[in-house]
């Protein structure tokens, strides 16, 4: 089981990667959404804002009103960010849960 610090670091790495991809996608995406990540086995959550393809304000705690919600175990979260777990396969098999609108999912996929 990954630690809270490893999960926080994984989300920071994801923020950096999205930021790098955002420059190319910014002209194509008008994407400003609140997001939350719930780590089930550690009973912790993180939240922030996705603006222009970049994650900002990433901090501890849940945001029940978030427009995009990811729920995963700590190991699956770290594996997703590290590219060791395919997002679509994990989602369709039920290993992770993504609660978002269809159009938000399509836009998010362009950033990843």
Protein backbone atom coordinates (compact mmCIF):
# COMPACT_ATOMS: atom_id res chain seq x y z
CA UNK A 1 0.00 0.00 0.00
CA UNK A 2 1.34 3.41 -0.98
CA UNK A 3 1.55 6.16 1.61
CA UNK A 4 -0.27 9.49 1.69
CA UNK A 5 3.00 11.21 0.73
CA UNK A 6 3.46 8.89 -2.27
CA UNK A 7 -0.09 9.66 -3.41
CA UNK A 8 0.46 13.40 -2.98
CA UNK A 9 3.72 13.15 -4.96
CA UNK A 10 1.97 11.16 -7.70
CA UNK A 11 -0.68 13.85 -8.05
CA UNK A 12 2.03 16.51 -8.23
CA UNK A 13 3.72 14.52 -11.04
CA UNK A 14 0.36 14.30 -12.82
CA UNK A 15 -0.03 18.07 -12.49
CA UNK A 16 3.39 18.59 -14.09
CA UNK A 17 2.59 16.19 -16.94
CA UNK A 18 -0.78 17.84 -17.61
CA UNK A 19 0.93 21.22 -17.60
CA UNK A 20 3.38 20.05 -20.23
CA UNK A 21 0.55 18.73 -22.40
CA UNK A 22 -1.60 21.81 -21.83
CA UNK A 23 0.50 24.07 -24.01
CA UNK A 24 -0.38 22.02 -27.08
CA UNK A 25 -4.02 21.53 -26.09
CA UNK A 26 -4.79 24.98 -24.67
CA UNK A 27 -6.03 26.41 -27.94
CA UNK A 28 -8.32 23.42 -28.41
CA UNK A 29 -9.70 23.16 -24.87
CA UNK A 30 -11.79 25.50 -22.81
CA UNK A 31 -11.53 23.43 -19.66
CA UNK A 32 -12.00 24.83 -16.17
CA UNK A 33 -13.25 22.30 -13.64
CA UNK A 34 -12.90 21.49 -9.97
CA UNK A 35 -11.48 18.06 -9.31
CA UNK A 36 -11.15 15.68 -6.39
CA UNK A 37 -9.20 12.48 -5.87
CA UNK A 38 -10.30 10.06 -3.17
CA UNK A 39 -7.86 7.39 -2.01
CA UNK A 40 -10.03 4.67 -0.55
CA UNK A 41 -7.53 2.50 1.33
CA UNK A 42 -5.92 5.48 3.08
CA UNK A 43 -9.22 7.30 3.69
CA UNK A 44 -7.76 10.58 2.37
CA UNK A 45 -8.66 12.94 -0.42
CA UNK A 46 -7.07 15.73 -2.42
CA UNK A 47 -8.69 18.47 -4.46
CA UNK A 48 -7.76 21.27 -6.80
CA UNK A 49 -8.74 23.11 -9.93
CA UNK A 50 -8.12 22.14 -13.53
CA UNK A 51 -7.65 25.38 -15.49
CA UNK A 52 -6.43 25.60 -19.05
CA UNK A 53 -5.26 22.01 -18.87
CA UNK A 54 -3.22 22.56 -15.70
CA UNK A 55 -3.92 21.50 -12.12
CA UNK A 56 -3.65 24.36 -9.66
CA UNK A 57 -4.28 24.68 -5.95
CA UNK A 58 -3.79 20.99 -5.24
CA UNK A 59 -4.34 20.51 -1.53
CA UNK A 60 -5.46 17.95 1.03
CA UNK A 61 -9.15 17.35 1.66
CA UNK A 62 -12.21 16.43 -0.32
CA UNK A 63 -14.45 18.62 -2.46
CA UNK A 64 -17.85 16.93 -2.67
CA UNK A 65 -18.93 19.50 -5.29
CA UNK A 66 -16.01 18.71 -7.63
CA UNK A 67 -17.02 18.31 -11.26
CA UNK A 68 -14.41 15.58 -11.86
CA UNK A 69 -13.93 12.90 -9.20
CA UNK A 70 -11.40 10.08 -9.24
CA UNK A 71 -11.64 7.28 -6.69
CA UNK A 72 -8.86 4.71 -6.46
CA UNK A 73 -6.68 2.79 -4.04
CA UNK A 74 -3.28 4.26 -3.24
CA UNK A 75 -1.42 1.64 -5.28
CA UNK A 76 -3.69 2.11 -8.30
CA UNK A 77 -3.31 5.91 -8.14
CA UNK A 78 0.47 5.68 -8.10
CA UNK A 79 0.43 3.05 -10.88
CA UNK A 80 -1.86 5.24 -13.03
CA UNK A 81 0.38 8.27 -12.73
CA UNK A 82 3.52 6.21 -13.34
CA UNK A 83 2.00 4.75 -16.53
CA UNK A 84 1.97 1.22 -15.13
CA UNK A 85 -1.83 1.00 -15.20
CA UNK A 86 -3.94 1.88 -18.23
CA UNK A 87 -6.68 4.37 -17.31
CA UNK A 88 -9.30 2.90 -19.64
CA UNK A 89 -8.64 -0.69 -18.57
CA UNK A 90 -8.67 0.27 -14.89
CA UNK A 91 -11.91 2.21 -15.34
CA UNK A 92 -13.74 -0.46 -17.34
CA UNK A 93 -12.64 -3.20 -14.95
CA UNK A 94 -13.81 -1.19 -11.92
CA UNK A 95 -10.38 -0.72 -10.34
CA UNK A 96 -10.87 3.03 -10.45
CA UNK A 97 -13.98 5.17 -10.58
CA UNK A 98 -14.21 8.40 -12.53
CA UNK A 99 -17.27 10.53 -11.95
CA UNK A 100 -17.47 13.21 -14.63
CA UNK A 101 -19.59 14.29 -17.53
CA UNK A 102 -19.01 12.65 -20.90
CA UNK A 103 -17.66 15.84 -22.48
CA UNK A 104 -15.33 16.38 -19.52
CA UNK A 105 -14.00 12.84 -19.94
CA UNK A 106 -13.30 13.47 -23.61
CA UNK A 107 -11.49 16.73 -22.85
CA UNK A 108 -9.49 15.13 -20.04
CA UNK A 109 -8.44 12.31 -22.33
CA UNK A 110 -6.91 14.84 -24.73
CA UNK A 111 -4.68 16.11 -21.92
CA UNK A 112 -3.46 12.69 -20.90
